[in-house]
PDB file of N, CA and C in Angstrom:
ATOM      1  N   MET A   1       0.842  -1.165   0.000  1.00  0.00           N
ATOM      2  CA  MET A   1       0.000   0.000   0.000  1.00  0.00           C
ATOM      3  C   MET A   1       0.892   1.234   0.000  1.00  0.00           C
ATOM      4  N   LYS A   2       0.598   2.149  -0.886  1.00  0.00           N
ATOM      5  CA  LYS A   2       1.407   3.340  -1.030  1.00  0.00           C
ATOM      6  C   LYS A   2       0.664   4.523  -0.394  1.00  0.00           C
ATOM      7  N   THR A   3       1.356   5.304   0.428  1.00  0.00           N
ATOM      8  CA  THR A   3       0.757   6.457   1.098  1.00  0.00           C
ATOM      9  C   THR A   3       1.213   7.729   0.397  1.00  0.00           C
ATOM     10  N   ARG A   4       0.263   8.588   0.121  1.00  0.00           N
ATOM     11  CA  ARG A   4       0.615   9.872  -0.489  1.00  0.00           C
ATOM     12  C   ARG A   4       1.009  10.858   0.614  1.00  0.00           C
ATOM     13  N   THR A   5       2.030  11.583   0.365  1.00  0.00           N
ATOM     14  CA  THR A   5       2.446  12.617   1.314  1.00  0.00           C
ATOM     15  C   THR A   5       2.516  13.944   0.574  1.00  0.00           C
ATOM     16  N   ASN A   6       2.370  14.979   1.323  1.00  0.00           N
ATOM     17  CA  ASN A   6       2.434  16.303   0.751  1.00  0.00           C
ATOM     18  C   ASN A   6       3.474  17.085   1.520  1.00  0.00           C
ATOM     19  N   ILE A   7       4.483  17.555   0.844  1.00  0.00           N
ATOM     20  CA  ILE A   7       5.558  18.289   1.498  1.00  0.00           C
ATOM     21  C   ILE A   7       5.024  19.602   2.083  1.00  0.00           C
ATOM     22  N   ARG A   8       4.005  20.164   1.448  1.00  0.00           N
ATOM     23  CA  ARG A   8       3.468  21.448   1.899  1.00  0.00           C
ATOM     24  C   ARG A   8       2.416  21.282   2.985  1.00  0.00           C
ATOM     25  N   ALA A   9       2.251  20.099   3.503  1.00  0.00           N
ATOM     26  CA  ALA A   9       1.193  19.863   4.481  1.00  0.00           C
ATOM     27  C   ALA A   9       1.343  20.745   5.711  1.00  0.00           C
ATOM     28  N   GLY A  10       2.559  21.010   6.164  1.00  0.00           N
ATOM     29  CA  GLY A  10       2.759  21.831   7.343  1.00  0.00           C
ATOM     30  C   GLY A  10       2.795  23.319   7.047  1.00  0.00           C
ATOM     31  N   ALA A  11       2.779  23.700   5.789  1.00  0.00           N
ATOM     32  CA  ALA A  11       2.903  25.105   5.431  1.00  0.00           C
ATOM     33  C   ALA A  11       1.607  25.872   5.683  1.00  0.00           C
ATOM     34  N   ASP A  12       0.455  25.248   5.518  1.00  0.00           N
ATOM     35  CA  ASP A  12      -0.807  25.965   5.684  1.00  0.00           C
ATOM     36  C   ASP A  12      -1.022  26.434   7.121  1.00  0.00           C
ATOM     37  N   PRO A  13      -0.849  25.581   8.123  1.00  0.00           N
ATOM     38  CA  PRO A  13      -1.017  26.092   9.492  1.00  0.00           C
ATOM     39  C   PRO A  13       0.005  27.176   9.830  1.00  0.00           C
ATOM     40  N   LEU A  14       1.226  27.035   9.338  1.00  0.00           N
ATOM     41  CA  LEU A  14       2.245  28.042   9.599  1.00  0.00           C
ATOM     42  C   LEU A  14       1.878  29.354   8.916  1.00  0.00           C
ATOM     43  N   GLN A  15       1.388  29.271   7.708  1.00  0.00           N
ATOM     44  CA  GLN A  15       0.982  30.467   6.976  1.00  0.00           C
ATOM     45  C   GLN A  15      -0.196  31.151   7.685  1.00  0.00           C
ATOM     46  N   THR A  16      -1.145  30.356   8.160  1.00  0.00           N
ATOM     47  CA  THR A  16      -2.293  30.905   8.888  1.00  0.00           C
ATOM     48  C   THR A  16      -1.829  31.609  10.154  1.00  0.00           C
ATOM     49  N   CYS A  17      -0.890  30.998  10.840  1.00  0.00           N
ATOM     50  CA  CYS A  17      -0.350  31.591  12.065  1.00  0.00           C
ATOM     51  C   CYS A  17       0.322  32.927  11.756  1.00  0.00           C
ATOM     52  N   LYS A  18       1.092  32.987  10.687  1.00  0.00           N
ATOM     53  CA  LYS A  18       1.763  34.231  10.307  1.00  0.00           C
ATOM     54  C   LYS A  18       0.746  35.312   9.936  1.00  0.00           C
ATOM     55  N   GLN A  19      -0.308  34.921   9.243  1.00  0.00           N
ATOM     56  CA  GLN A  19      -1.336  35.888   8.865  1.00  0.00           C
ATOM     57  C   GLN A  19      -2.018  36.458  10.109  1.00  0.00           C
ATOM     58  N   GLN A  20      -2.329  35.580  11.051  1.00  0.00           N
ATOM     59  CA  GLN A  20      -2.960  36.044  12.282  1.00  0.00           C
ATOM     60  C   GLN A  20      -2.030  36.952  13.082  1.00  0.00           C
ATOM     61  N   LYS A  21      -0.758  36.574  13.139  1.00  0.00           N
ATOM     62  CA  LYS A  21       0.218  37.403  13.850  1.00  0.00           C
ATOM     63  C   LYS A  21       0.316  38.774  13.212  1.00  0.00           C
ATOM     64  N   ASN A  22       0.381  38.833  11.890  1.00  0.00           N
ATOM     65  CA  ASN A  22       0.471  40.112  11.186  1.00  0.00           C
ATOM     66  C   ASN A  22      -0.784  40.948  11.393  1.00  0.00           C
ATOM     67  N   TYR A  23      -1.940  40.301  11.391  1.00  0.00           N
ATOM     68  CA  TYR A  23      -3.193  41.022  11.615  1.00  0.00           C
ATOM     69  C   TYR A  23      -3.182  41.693  12.980  1.00  0.00           C
ATOM     70  N   TRP A  24      -2.812  40.947  14.022  1.00  0.00           N
ATOM     71  CA  TRP A  24      -2.835  41.504  15.380  1.00  0.00           C
ATOM     72  C   TRP A  24      -1.728  42.526  15.590  1.00  0.00           C
ATOM     73  N   MET A  25      -0.612  42.378  14.919  1.00  0.00           N
ATOM     74  CA  MET A  25       0.437  43.394  14.997  1.00  0.00           C
ATOM     75  C   MET A  25      -0.058  44.697  14.368  1.00  0.00           C
ATOM     76  N   ASN A  26      -0.756  44.593  13.238  1.00  0.00           N
ATOM     77  CA  ASN A  26      -1.305  45.782  12.595  1.00  0.00           C
ATOM     78  C   ASN A  26      -2.362  46.438  13.479  1.00  0.00           C
ATOM     79  N   GLN A  27      -3.186  45.623  14.144  1.00  0.00           N
ATOM     80  CA  GLN A  27      -4.194  46.174  15.050  1.00  0.00           C
ATOM     81  C   GLN A  27      -3.533  46.910  16.214  1.00  0.00           C
ATOM     82  N   ALA A  28      -2.472  46.339  16.761  1.00  0.00           N
ATOM     83  CA  ALA A  28      -1.767  46.976  17.873  1.00  0.00           C
ATOM     84  C   ALA A  28      -1.147  48.300  17.432  1.00  0.00           C
ATOM     85  N   GLN A  29      -0.549  48.338  16.251  1.00  0.00           N
ATOM     86  CA  GLN A  29       0.036  49.570  15.744  1.00  0.00           C
ATOM     87  C   GLN A  29      -1.043  50.615  15.482  1.00  0.00           C
ATOM     88  N   TYR A  30      -2.176  50.178  14.986  1.00  0.00           N
ATOM     89  CA  TYR A  30      -3.289  51.090  14.736  1.00  0.00           C
ATOM     90  C   TYR A  30      -3.773  51.721  16.038  1.00  0.00           C
ATOM     91  N   MET A  31      -3.939  50.902  17.075  1.00  0.00           N
ATOM     92  CA  MET A  31      -4.400  51.409  18.360  1.00  0.00           C
ATOM     93  C   MET A  31      -3.354  52.337  18.994  1.00  0.00           C
ATOM     94  N   GLU A  32      -2.073  52.028  18.827  1.00  0.00           N
ATOM     95  CA  GLU A  32      -1.029  52.899  19.346  1.00  0.00           C
ATOM     96  C   GLU A  32      -1.038  54.242  18.642  1.00  0.00           C
ATOM     97  N   SER A  33      -1.300  54.242  17.336  1.00  0.00           N
ATOM     98  CA  SER A  33      -1.355  55.515  16.611  1.00  0.00           C
ATOM     99  C   SER A  33      -2.561  56.338  17.050  1.00  0.00           C
ATOM    100  N   ILE A  34      -3.672  55.685  17.347  1.00  0.00           N
ATOM    101  CA  ILE A  34      -4.842  56.401  17.849  1.00  0.00           C
ATOM    102  C   ILE A  34      -4.533  56.992  19.219  1.00  0.00           C
ATOM    103  N   ALA A  35      -3.917  56.209  20.085  1.00  0.00           N
ATOM    104  CA  ALA A  35      -3.600  56.668  21.431  1.00  0.00           C
ATOM    105  C   ALA A  35      -2.587  57.816  21.397  1.00  0.00           C
ATOM    106  N   ALA A  36      -1.664  57.796  20.450  1.00  0.00           N
ATOM    107  CA  ALA A  36      -0.655  58.846  20.361  1.00  0.00           C
ATOM    108  C   ALA A  36      -1.286  60.175  19.949  1.00  0.00           C
ATOM    109  N   ASN A  37      -2.345  60.119  19.158  1.00  0.00           N
ATOM    110  CA  ASN A  37      -2.987  61.336  18.675  1.00  0.00           C
ATOM    111  C   ASN A  37      -4.196  61.729  19.501  1.00  0.00           C
ATOM    112  N   CYS A  38      -4.466  60.993  20.552  1.00  0.00           N
ATOM    113  CA  CYS A  38      -5.656  61.231  21.364  1.00  0.00           C
ATOM    114  C   CYS A  38      -5.366  62.278  22.420  1.00  0.00           C
ATOM    115  N   GLN A  39      -6.323  63.168  22.608  1.00  0.00           N
ATOM    116  CA  GLN A  39      -6.203  64.157  23.664  1.00  0.00           C
ATOM    117  C   GLN A  39      -7.126  63.754  24.793  1.00  0.00           C
ATOM    118  N   ALA A  40      -6.698  64.053  25.997  1.00  0.00           N
ATOM    119  CA  ALA A  40      -7.518  63.699  27.152  1.00  0.00           C
ATOM    120  C   ALA A  40      -8.805  64.510  27.123  1.00  0.00           C
ATOM    121  N   TYR A  41      -9.891  63.853  27.389  1.00  0.00           N
ATOM    122  CA  TYR A  41     -11.197  64.506  27.400  1.00  0.00           C
ATOM    123  C   TYR A  41     -11.570  64.825  28.830  1.00  0.00           C
ATOM    124  N   HIS A  42     -11.824  66.082  29.098  1.00  0.00           N
ATOM    125  CA  HIS A  42     -12.240  66.517  30.420  1.00  0.00           C
ATOM    126  C   HIS A  42     -13.650  67.072  30.294  1.00  0.00           C
ATOM    127  N   PRO A  43     -14.627  66.372  30.825  1.00  0.00           N
ATOM    128  CA  PRO A  43     -15.993  66.864  30.695  1.00  0.00           C
ATOM    129  C   PRO A  43     -16.186  68.174  31.456  1.00  0.00           C
ATOM    130  N   VAL A  44     -17.022  69.007  30.906  1.00  0.00           N
ATOM    131  CA  VAL A  44     -17.327  70.279  31.545  1.00  0.00           C
ATOM    132  C   VAL A  44     -18.521  70.064  32.456  1.00  0.00           C
ATOM    133  N   TYR A  45     -18.307  70.282  33.735  1.00  0.00           N
ATOM    134  CA  TYR A  45     -19.379  70.096  34.703  1.00  0.00           C
ATOM    135  C   TYR A  45     -20.142  71.403  34.867  1.00  0.00           C
ATOM    136  N   PRO A  46     -21.435  71.329  35.037  1.00  0.00           N
ATOM    137  CA  PRO A  46     -22.196  72.558  35.208  1.00  0.00           C
ATOM    138  C   PRO A  46     -21.817  73.253  36.517  1.00  0.00           C
ATOM    139  N   VAL A  47     -21.948  74.557  36.512  1.00  0.00           N
ATOM    140  CA  VAL A  47     -21.637  75.337  37.705  1.00  0.00           C
ATOM    141  C   VAL A  47     -22.681  75.025  38.767  1.00  0.00           C
ATOM    142  N   GLN A  48     -22.221  74.756  39.960  1.00  0.00           N
ATOM    143  CA  GLN A  48     -23.134  74.447  41.055  1.00  0.00           C
ATOM    144  C   GLN A  48     -23.871  75.715  41.471  1.00  0.00           C
ATOM    145  N   PRO A  49     -25.180  75.622  41.620  1.00  0.00           N
ATOM    146  CA  PRO A  49     -25.916  76.826  42.022  1.00  0.00           C
ATOM    147  C   PRO A  49     -25.583  77.213  43.462  1.00  0.00           C
ATOM    148  N   ILE A  50     -25.663  78.509  43.723  1.00  0.00           N
ATOM    149  CA  ILE A  50     -25.440  79.002  45.082  1.00  0.00           C
ATOM    150  C   ILE A  50     -26.787  78.998  45.781  1.00  0.00           C
ATOM    151  N   TYR A  51     -26.877  78.220  46.819  1.00  0.00           N
ATOM    152  CA  TYR A  51     -28.148  78.067  47.511  1.00  0.00           C
ATOM    153  C   TYR A  51     -28.345  79.211  48.500  1.00  0.00           C
ATOM    154  N   PRO A  52     -29.529  79.759  48.554  1.00  0.00           N
ATOM    155  CA  PRO A  52     -29.769  80.827  49.535  1.00  0.00           C
ATOM    156  C   PRO A  52     -29.698  80.256  50.943  1.00  0.00           C
ATOM    157  N   PRO A  53     -29.092  80.972  51.866  1.00  0.00           N
ATOM    158  CA  PRO A  53     -28.924  80.449  53.225  1.00  0.00           C
ATOM    159  C   PRO A  53     -30.235  80.386  54.000  1.00  0.00           C
ATOM    160  N   SER A  54     -31.304  81.033  53.500  1.00  0.00           N
ATOM    161  CA  SER A  54     -32.552  81.040  54.243  1.00  0.00           C
ATOM    162  C   SER A  54     -33.283  79.690  54.170  1.00  0.00           C
ATOM    163  N   GLN A  55     -32.981  78.878  53.174  1.00  0.00           N
ATOM    164  CA  GLN A  55     -33.631  77.577  53.050  1.00  0.00           C
ATOM    165  C   GLN A  55     -32.976  76.586  54.006  1.00  0.00           C
ATOM    166  N   PRO A  56     -33.773  75.803  54.703  1.00  0.00           N
ATOM    167  CA  PRO A  56     -33.166  74.797  55.585  1.00  0.00           C
ATOM    168  C   PRO A  56     -32.485  73.711  54.751  1.00  0.00           C
ATOM    169  N   THR A  57     -31.411  73.178  55.269  1.00  0.00           N
ATOM    170  CA  THR A  57     -30.686  72.134  54.546  1.00  0.00           C
ATOM    171  C   THR A  57     -31.093  70.745  55.002  1.00  0.00           C
ATOM    172  N   SER A  58     -31.955  70.642  56.034  1.00  0.00           N
ATOM    173  CA  SER A  58     -32.428  69.335  56.455  1.00  0.00           C
ATOM    174  C   SER A  58     -33.929  69.257  56.170  1.00  0.00           C
ATOM    175  N   GLY A  59     -34.430  68.069  56.018  1.00  0.00           N
ATOM    176  CA  GLY A  59     -35.846  67.900  55.754  1.00  0.00           C
ATOM    177  C   GLY A  59     -36.210  68.114  54.304  1.00  0.00           C
ATOM    178  N   GLY A  60     -35.281  67.970  53.421  1.00  0.00           N
ATOM    179  CA  GLY A  60     -35.537  68.135  51.994  1.00  0.00           C
ATOM    180  C   GLY A  60     -34.221  68.247  51.264  1.00  0.00           C
ATOM    181  N   GLY A  61     -34.289  68.797  50.078  1.00  0.00           N
ATOM    182  CA  GLY A  61     -33.051  68.950  49.333  1.00  0.00           C
ATOM    183  C   GLY A  61     -33.277  69.696  48.037  1.00  0.00           C
ATOM    184  N   TYR A  62     -32.173  70.036  47.405  1.00  0.00           N
ATOM    185  CA  TYR A  62     -32.217  70.747  46.134  1.00  0.00           C
ATOM    186  C   TYR A  62     -32.158  69.745  44.996  1.00  0.00           C
ATOM    187  N   VAL A  63     -32.955  69.994  43.977  1.00  0.00           N
ATOM    188  CA  VAL A  63     -32.903  69.209  42.745  1.00  0.00           C
ATOM    189  C   VAL A  63     -32.901  70.216  41.614  1.00  0.00           C
ATOM    190  N   GLY A  64     -31.816  70.251  40.876  1.00  0.00           N
ATOM    191  CA  GLY A  64     -31.711  71.189  39.772  1.00  0.00           C
ATOM    192  C   GLY A  64     -31.803  72.637  40.236  1.00  0.00           C
ATOM    193  N   GLY A  65     -31.332  72.948  41.434  1.00  0.00           N
ATOM    194  CA  GLY A  65     -31.347  74.303  41.944  1.00  0.00           C
ATOM    195  C   GLY A  65     -32.654  74.712  42.595  1.00  0.00           C
ATOM    196  N   VAL A  66     -33.602  73.798  42.714  1.00  0.00           N
ATOM    197  CA  VAL A  66     -34.901  74.093  43.316  1.00  0.00           C
ATOM    198  C   VAL A  66     -35.016  73.305  44.619  1.00  0.00           C
ATOM    199  N   TRP A  67     -35.481  73.974  45.690  1.00  0.00           N
ATOM    200  CA  TRP A  67     -35.638  73.332  46.986  1.00  0.00           C
ATOM    201  C   TRP A  67     -36.938  72.522  47.020  1.00  0.00           C
ATOM    202  N   TYR A  68     -36.837  71.275  47.437  1.00  0.00           N
ATOM    203  CA  TYR A  68     -38.001  70.418  47.626  1.00  0.00           C
ATOM    204  C   TYR A  68     -38.006  69.957  49.078  1.00  0.00           C
ATOM    205  N   ALA A  69     -39.110  70.230  49.768  1.00  0.00           N
ATOM    206  CA  ALA A  69     -39.236  69.806  51.163  1.00  0.00           C
ATOM    207  C   ALA A  69     -39.407  68.298  51.243  1.00  0.00           C
ATOM    208  N   ASP A  70     -38.992  67.736  52.359  1.00  0.00           N
ATOM    209  CA  ASP A  70     -39.141  66.302  52.596  1.00  0.00           C
ATOM    210  C   ASP A  70     -40.612  66.006  52.861  1.00  0.00           C
ATOM    211  N   MET A  71     -41.215  65.255  51.973  1.00  0.00           N
ATOM    212  CA  MET A  71     -42.640  64.929  52.092  1.00  0.00           C
ATOM    213  C   MET A  71     -42.842  63.464  52.459  1.00  0.00           C
ATOM    214  N   SER A  72     -41.804  62.807  52.940  1.00  0.00           N
ATOM    215  CA  SER A  72     -41.960  61.407  53.293  1.00  0.00           C
ATOM    216  C   SER A  72     -42.847  61.291  54.532  1.00  0.00           C
ATOM    217  N   GLY A  73     -43.671  60.295  54.534  1.00  0.00           N
ATOM    218  CA  GLY A  73     -44.551  60.059  55.667  1.00  0.00           C
ATOM    219  C   GLY A  73     -45.882  60.812  55.589  1.00  0.00           C
ATOM    220  N   THR A  74     -46.085  61.590  54.533  1.00  0.00           N
ATOM    221  CA  THR A  74     -47.359  62.314  54.383  1.00  0.00           C
ATOM    222  C   THR A  74     -48.212  61.616  53.342  1.00  0.00           C
ATOM    223  N   CYS A  75     -49.504  61.719  53.486  1.00  0.00           N
ATOM    224  CA  CYS A  75     -50.408  61.136  52.501  1.00  0.00           C
ATOM    225  C   CYS A  75     -50.695  62.166  51.424  1.00  0.00           C
ATOM    226  N   ALA A  76     -50.704  61.729  50.218  1.00  0.00           N
ATOM    227  CA  ALA A  76     -50.952  62.665  49.116  1.00  0.00           C
ATOM    228  C   ALA A  76     -52.417  62.676  48.721  1.00  0.00           C
TER     229      ALA A  76
END
């Protein structure tokens, strides 16, 4: 019985490995180029409103600069 052999049998997995390695190397270089050109983003926070001192700070709270009294425990 004669067995056929292929000299290039081991070349396909090696070639696939090289292609994958090159793909991921290119991805890494791409991400490094993005990071090199990236500027830090600092979000702009809204200015905190100045609360009038006449409003009590307990029993409620400010929402969007408006004072809301604590209404817990009351029936509506």
